[in-house]
Amino acid sequence: MKELNIISIQVNGATTLGENIADNGGLHAALEAYRKVIAKNGPEPRLPGMESYTPEQLFFIASAT
């Protein structure tokens, strides 16, 4: 297994508050749109090898990358 070197950087939350709120709002809007698509079109096929995750969990995993 490859070893990773992790660099820790502290960020002042007060200076990034506006961006954090905007990111949260965008993620919320995207999740609501995703839920509407699923409600209209039915569930998505499961991804091979990822069956232990729900579709919504995969949504959040994808949004974090």
PDB file of N, CA and C in Angstrom:
ATOM      1  N   MET A   1       0.831  -1.163   0.000  1.00  0.00           N
ATOM      2  CA  MET A   1       0.000   0.000   0.000  1.00  0.00           C
ATOM      3  C   MET A   1       0.886   1.241   0.000  1.00  0.00           C
ATOM      4  N   LYS A   2       0.532   2.207  -0.809  1.00  0.00           N
ATOM      5  CA  LYS A   2       1.296   3.443  -0.906  1.00  0.00           C
ATOM      6  C   LYS A   2       1.029   4.326   0.310  1.00  0.00           C
ATOM      7  N   GLU A   3       2.081   4.863   0.880  1.00  0.00           N
ATOM      8  CA  GLU A   3       1.948   5.738   2.040  1.00  0.00           C
ATOM      9  C   GLU A   3       1.758   7.176   1.567  1.00  0.00           C
ATOM     10  N   LEU A   4       0.808   7.870   2.191  1.00  0.00           N
ATOM     11  CA  LEU A   4       0.542   9.256   1.832  1.00  0.00           C
ATOM     12  C   LEU A   4       1.045  10.188   2.919  1.00  0.00           C
ATOM     13  N   ASN A   5       1.622  11.290   2.518  1.00  0.00           N
ATOM     14  CA  ASN A   5       2.007  12.329   3.464  1.00  0.00           C
ATOM     15  C   ASN A   5       0.877  13.348   3.517  1.00  0.00           C
ATOM     16  N   ILE A   6       0.300  13.534   4.679  1.00  0.00           N
ATOM     17  CA  ILE A   6      -0.815  14.452   4.854  1.00  0.00           C
ATOM     18  C   ILE A   6      -0.287  15.788   5.372  1.00  0.00           C
ATOM     19  N   ILE A   7      -0.702  16.866   4.716  1.00  0.00           N
ATOM     20  CA  ILE A   7      -0.337  18.211   5.151  1.00  0.00           C
ATOM     21  C   ILE A   7      -1.564  18.827   5.806  1.00  0.00           C
ATOM     22  N   SER A   8      -1.402  19.327   7.001  1.00  0.00           N
ATOM     23  CA  SER A   8      -2.512  19.926   7.737  1.00  0.00           C
ATOM     24  C   SER A   8      -2.465  21.447   7.588  1.00  0.00           C
ATOM     25  N   ILE A   9      -3.569  22.010   7.117  1.00  0.00           N
ATOM     26  CA  ILE A   9      -3.673  23.459   6.968  1.00  0.00           C
ATOM     27  C   ILE A   9      -4.914  23.912   7.725  1.00  0.00           C
ATOM     28  N   GLN A  10      -4.767  24.908   8.565  1.00  0.00           N
ATOM     29  CA  GLN A  10      -5.908  25.455   9.289  1.00  0.00           C
ATOM     30  C   GLN A  10      -6.452  26.649   8.514  1.00  0.00           C
ATOM     31  N   VAL A  11      -7.783  26.723   8.445  1.00  0.00           N
ATOM     32  CA  VAL A  11      -8.449  27.801   7.728  1.00  0.00           C
ATOM     33  C   VAL A  11      -9.316  28.564   8.715  1.00  0.00           C
ATOM     34  N   ASN A  12      -9.314  29.880   8.608  1.00  0.00           N
ATOM     35  CA  ASN A  12     -10.159  30.710   9.455  1.00  0.00           C
ATOM     36  C   ASN A  12     -11.591  30.634   8.939  1.00  0.00           C
ATOM     37  N   GLY A  13     -12.475  30.009   9.704  1.00  0.00           N
ATOM     38  CA  GLY A  13     -13.858  29.825   9.293  1.00  0.00           C
ATOM     39  C   GLY A  13     -14.602  31.124   9.060  1.00  0.00           C
ATOM     40  N   ALA A  14     -14.235  32.169   9.782  1.00  0.00           N
ATOM     41  CA  ALA A  14     -14.903  33.459   9.612  1.00  0.00           C
ATOM     42  C   ALA A  14     -14.641  34.040   8.225  1.00  0.00           C
ATOM     43  N   THR A  15     -13.461  33.806   7.690  1.00  0.00           N
ATOM     44  CA  THR A  15     -13.142  34.362   6.371  1.00  0.00           C
ATOM     45  C   THR A  15     -13.721  33.527   5.230  1.00  0.00           C
ATOM     46  N   THR A  16     -14.065  32.286   5.490  1.00  0.00           N
ATOM     47  CA  THR A  16     -14.627  31.424   4.439  1.00  0.00           C
ATOM     48  C   THR A  16     -16.118  31.186   4.625  1.00  0.00           C
ATOM     49  N   LEU A  17     -16.745  31.885   5.574  1.00  0.00           N
ATOM     50  CA  LEU A  17     -18.152  31.634   5.899  1.00  0.00           C
ATOM     51  C   LEU A  17     -19.060  31.786   4.686  1.00  0.00           C
ATOM     52  N   GLY A  18     -18.912  32.865   3.931  1.00  0.00           N
ATOM     53  CA  GLY A  18     -19.768  33.084   2.769  1.00  0.00           C
ATOM     54  C   GLY A  18     -19.642  31.968   1.746  1.00  0.00           C
ATOM     55  N   GLU A  19     -18.424  31.543   1.489  1.00  0.00           N
ATOM     56  CA  GLU A  19     -18.200  30.450   0.539  1.00  0.00           C
ATOM     57  C   GLU A  19     -18.775  29.143   1.074  1.00  0.00           C
ATOM     58  N   ASN A  20     -18.620  28.909   2.370  1.00  0.00           N
ATOM     59  CA  ASN A  20     -19.161  27.688   2.978  1.00  0.00           C
ATOM     60  C   ASN A  20     -20.681  27.647   2.852  1.00  0.00           C
ATOM     61  N   ILE A  21     -21.340  28.781   3.104  1.00  0.00           N
ATOM     62  CA  ILE A  21     -22.800  28.851   2.993  1.00  0.00           C
ATOM     63  C   ILE A  21     -23.224  28.614   1.549  1.00  0.00           C
ATOM     64  N   ALA A  22     -22.519  29.228   0.606  1.00  0.00           N
ATOM     65  CA  ALA A  22     -22.844  29.039  -0.811  1.00  0.00           C
ATOM     66  C   ALA A  22     -22.657  27.584  -1.228  1.00  0.00           C
ATOM     67  N   ASP A  23     -21.571  26.958  -0.793  1.00  0.00           N
ATOM     68  CA  ASP A  23     -21.332  25.545  -1.107  1.00  0.00           C
ATOM     69  C   ASP A  23     -22.451  24.674  -0.552  1.00  0.00           C
ATOM     70  N   ASN A  24     -22.859  24.945   0.685  1.00  0.00           N
ATOM     71  CA  ASN A  24     -23.923  24.174   1.316  1.00  0.00           C
ATOM     72  C   ASN A  24     -25.234  24.354   0.557  1.00  0.00           C
ATOM     73  N   GLY A  25     -25.543  25.596   0.171  1.00  0.00           N
ATOM     74  CA  GLY A  25     -26.767  25.853  -0.588  1.00  0.00           C
ATOM     75  C   GLY A  25     -26.758  25.160  -1.936  1.00  0.00           C
ATOM     76  N   GLY A  26     -25.622  25.185  -2.611  1.00  0.00           N
ATOM     77  CA  GLY A  26     -25.513  24.513  -3.905  1.00  0.00           C
ATOM     78  C   GLY A  26     -25.662  23.011  -3.784  1.00  0.00           C
ATOM     79  N   LEU A  27     -25.060  22.445  -2.749  1.00  0.00           N
ATOM     80  CA  LEU A  27     -25.177  21.001  -2.524  1.00  0.00           C
ATOM     81  C   LEU A  27     -26.623  20.623  -2.216  1.00  0.00           C
ATOM     82  N   HIS A  28     -27.290  21.450  -1.415  1.00  0.00           N
ATOM     83  CA  HIS A  28     -28.696  21.192  -1.081  1.00  0.00           C
ATOM     84  C   HIS A  28     -29.563  21.238  -2.343  1.00  0.00           C
ATOM     85  N   ALA A  29     -29.358  22.242  -3.195  1.00  0.00           N
ATOM     86  CA  ALA A  29     -30.124  22.352  -4.438  1.00  0.00           C
ATOM     87  C   ALA A  29     -29.861  21.159  -5.354  1.00  0.00           C
ATOM     88  N   ALA A  30     -28.607  20.739  -5.450  1.00  0.00           N
ATOM     89  CA  ALA A  30     -28.266  19.587  -6.292  1.00  0.00           C
ATOM     90  C   ALA A  30     -28.907  18.310  -5.766  1.00  0.00           C
ATOM     91  N   LEU A  31     -28.927  18.135  -4.439  1.00  0.00           N
ATOM     92  CA  LEU A  31     -29.547  16.949  -3.854  1.00  0.00           C
ATOM     93  C   LEU A  31     -31.045  16.936  -4.119  1.00  0.00           C
ATOM     94  N   GLU A  32     -31.700  18.077  -3.970  1.00  0.00           N
ATOM     95  CA  GLU A  32     -33.140  18.147  -4.250  1.00  0.00           C
ATOM     96  C   GLU A  32     -33.421  17.833  -5.720  1.00  0.00           C
ATOM     97  N   ALA A  33     -32.597  18.338  -6.631  1.00  0.00           N
ATOM     98  CA  ALA A  33     -32.765  18.033  -8.054  1.00  0.00           C
ATOM     99  C   ALA A  33     -32.566  16.545  -8.310  1.00  0.00           C
ATOM    100  N   TYR A  34     -31.567  15.956  -7.676  1.00  0.00           N
ATOM    101  CA  TYR A  34     -31.311  14.520  -7.819  1.00  0.00           C
ATOM    102  C   TYR A  34     -32.523  13.717  -7.344  1.00  0.00           C
ATOM    103  N   ARG A  35     -33.071  14.094  -6.199  1.00  0.00           N
ATOM    104  CA  ARG A  35     -34.242  13.386  -5.664  1.00  0.00           C
ATOM    105  C   ARG A  35     -35.440  13.494  -6.603  1.00  0.00           C
ATOM    106  N   LYS A  36     -35.616  14.648  -7.241  1.00  0.00           N
ATOM    107  CA  LYS A  36     -36.723  14.817  -8.189  1.00  0.00           C
ATOM    108  C   LYS A  36     -36.535  13.922  -9.410  1.00  0.00           C
ATOM    109  N   VAL A  37     -35.311  13.827  -9.907  1.00  0.00           N
ATOM    110  CA  VAL A  37     -35.031  12.962 -11.059  1.00  0.00           C
ATOM    111  C   VAL A  37     -35.322  11.506 -10.704  1.00  0.00           C
ATOM    112  N   ILE A  38     -34.905  11.084  -9.520  1.00  0.00           N
ATOM    113  CA  ILE A  38     -35.148   9.704  -9.083  1.00  0.00           C
ATOM    114  C   ILE A  38     -36.644   9.454  -8.923  1.00  0.00           C
ATOM    115  N   ALA A  39     -37.360  10.423  -8.359  1.00  0.00           N
ATOM    116  CA  ALA A  39     -38.808  10.269  -8.180  1.00  0.00           C
ATOM    117  C   ALA A  39     -39.512  10.150  -9.528  1.00  0.00           C
ATOM    118  N   LYS A  40     -39.032  10.882 -10.528  1.00  0.00           N
ATOM    119  CA  LYS A  40     -39.659  10.862 -11.848  1.00  0.00           C
ATOM    120  C   LYS A  40     -39.264   9.631 -12.655  1.00  0.00           C
ATOM    121  N   ASN A  41     -37.988   9.259 -12.621  1.00  0.00           N
ATOM    122  CA  ASN A  41     -37.468   8.209 -13.504  1.00  0.00           C
ATOM    123  C   ASN A  41     -37.253   6.858 -12.844  1.00  0.00           C
ATOM    124  N   GLY A  42     -37.396   6.790 -11.532  1.00  0.00           N
ATOM    125  CA  GLY A  42     -37.150   5.536 -10.829  1.00  0.00           C
ATOM    126  C   GLY A  42     -35.701   5.436 -10.391  1.00  0.00           C
ATOM    127  N   PRO A  43     -35.405   4.406  -9.612  1.00  0.00           N
ATOM    128  CA  PRO A  43     -34.054   4.279  -9.049  1.00  0.00           C
ATOM    129  C   PRO A  43     -32.999   4.001 -10.116  1.00  0.00           C
ATOM    130  N   GLU A  44     -31.796   4.441  -9.818  1.00  0.00           N
ATOM    131  CA  GLU A  44     -30.668   4.187 -10.707  1.00  0.00           C
ATOM    132  C   GLU A  44     -30.176   2.759 -10.511  1.00  0.00           C
ATOM    133  N   PRO A  45     -29.551   2.173 -11.542  1.00  0.00           N
ATOM    134  CA  PRO A  45     -28.950   0.854 -11.346  1.00  0.00           C
ATOM    135  C   PRO A  45     -27.790   0.950 -10.360  1.00  0.00           C
ATOM    136  N   ARG A  46     -27.585  -0.099  -9.595  1.00  0.00           N
ATOM    137  CA  ARG A  46     -26.495  -0.121  -8.609  1.00  0.00           C
ATOM    138  C   ARG A  46     -25.158  -0.260  -9.326  1.00  0.00           C
ATOM    139  N   LEU A  47     -24.148   0.383  -8.779  1.00  0.00           N
ATOM    140  CA  LEU A  47     -22.809   0.296  -9.349  1.00  0.00           C
ATOM    141  C   LEU A  47     -22.122  -0.975  -8.869  1.00  0.00           C
ATOM    142  N   PRO A  48     -21.566  -1.761  -9.776  1.00  0.00           N
ATOM    143  CA  PRO A  48     -20.858  -2.970  -9.368  1.00  0.00           C
ATOM    144  C   PRO A  48     -19.720  -2.630  -8.398  1.00  0.00           C
ATOM    145  N   GLY A  49     -19.658  -3.366  -7.323  1.00  0.00           N
ATOM    146  CA  GLY A  49     -18.632  -3.148  -6.317  1.00  0.00           C
ATOM    147  C   GLY A  49     -18.969  -2.070  -5.306  1.00  0.00           C
ATOM    148  N   MET A  50     -20.071  -1.358  -5.523  1.00  0.00           N
ATOM    149  CA  MET A  50     -20.465  -0.272  -4.621  1.00  0.00           C
ATOM    150  C   MET A  50     -21.849  -0.527  -4.023  1.00  0.00           C
ATOM    151  N   GLU A  51     -22.279  -1.782  -4.029  1.00  0.00           N
ATOM    152  CA  GLU A  51     -23.627  -2.119  -3.594  1.00  0.00           C
ATOM    153  C   GLU A  51     -23.877  -1.835  -2.116  1.00  0.00           C
ATOM    154  N   SER A  52     -22.821  -1.689  -1.336  1.00  0.00           N
ATOM    155  CA  SER A  52     -23.007  -1.436   0.096  1.00  0.00           C
ATOM    156  C   SER A  52     -23.385   0.019   0.371  1.00  0.00           C
ATOM    157  N   TYR A  53     -23.318   0.881  -0.657  1.00  0.00           N
ATOM    158  CA  TYR A  53     -23.687   2.288  -0.504  1.00  0.00           C
ATOM    159  C   TYR A  53     -25.054   2.546  -1.129  1.00  0.00           C
ATOM    160  N   THR A  54     -25.840   3.396  -0.488  1.00  0.00           N
ATOM    161  CA  THR A  54     -27.114   3.804  -1.077  1.00  0.00           C
ATOM    162  C   THR A  54     -26.829   4.821  -2.183  1.00  0.00           C
ATOM    163  N   PRO A  55     -27.796   5.031  -3.085  1.00  0.00           N
ATOM    164  CA  PRO A  55     -27.589   6.052  -4.117  1.00  0.00           C
ATOM    165  C   PRO A  55     -27.311   7.442  -3.531  1.00  0.00           C
ATOM    166  N   GLU A  56     -27.983   7.796  -2.439  1.00  0.00           N
ATOM    167  CA  GLU A  56     -27.722   9.105  -1.829  1.00  0.00           C
ATOM    168  C   GLU A  56     -26.326   9.169  -1.220  1.00  0.00           C
ATOM    169  N   GLN A  57     -25.844   8.086  -0.648  1.00  0.00           N
ATOM    170  CA  GLN A  57     -24.472   8.077  -0.135  1.00  0.00           C
ATOM    171  C   GLN A  57     -23.480   8.280  -1.278  1.00  0.00           C
ATOM    172  N   LEU A  58     -23.729   7.639  -2.407  1.00  0.00           N
ATOM    173  CA  LEU A  58     -22.851   7.812  -3.562  1.00  0.00           C
ATOM    174  C   LEU A  58     -22.909   9.243  -4.090  1.00  0.00           C
ATOM    175  N   PHE A  59     -24.074   9.877  -4.005  1.00  0.00           N
ATOM    176  CA  PHE A  59     -24.196  11.287  -4.383  1.00  0.00           C
ATOM    177  C   PHE A  59     -23.230  12.140  -3.564  1.00  0.00           C
ATOM    178  N   PHE A  60     -23.217  11.923  -2.252  1.00  0.00           N
ATOM    179  CA  PHE A  60     -22.342  12.720  -1.392  1.00  0.00           C
ATOM    180  C   PHE A  60     -20.867  12.358  -1.587  1.00  0.00           C
ATOM    181  N   ILE A  61     -20.581  11.097  -1.828  1.00  0.00           N
ATOM    182  CA  ILE A  61     -19.199  10.701  -2.114  1.00  0.00           C
ATOM    183  C   ILE A  61     -18.722  11.399  -3.387  1.00  0.00           C
ATOM    184  N   ALA A  62     -19.566  11.402  -4.408  1.00  0.00           N
ATOM    185  CA  ALA A  62     -19.201  12.054  -5.669  1.00  0.00           C
ATOM    186  C   ALA A  62     -19.029  13.559  -5.492  1.00  0.00           C
ATOM    187  N   SER A  63     -19.854  14.168  -4.655  1.00  0.00           N
ATOM    188  CA  SER A  63     -19.753  15.617  -4.468  1.00  0.00           C
ATOM    189  C   SER A  63     -18.510  16.008  -3.684  1.00  0.00           C
ATOM    190  N   ALA A  64     -17.939  15.076  -2.950  1.00  0.00           N
ATOM    191  CA  ALA A  64     -16.753  15.368  -2.137  1.00  0.00           C
ATOM    192  C   ALA A  64     -15.466  15.264  -2.941  1.00  0.00           C
ATOM    193  N   THR A  65     -15.548  14.765  -4.162  1.00  0.00           N
ATOM    194  CA  THR A  65     -14.328  14.593  -4.950  1.00  0.00           C
ATOM    195  C   THR A  65     -14.098  15.746  -5.888  1.00  0.00           C
TER     196      THR A  65
END
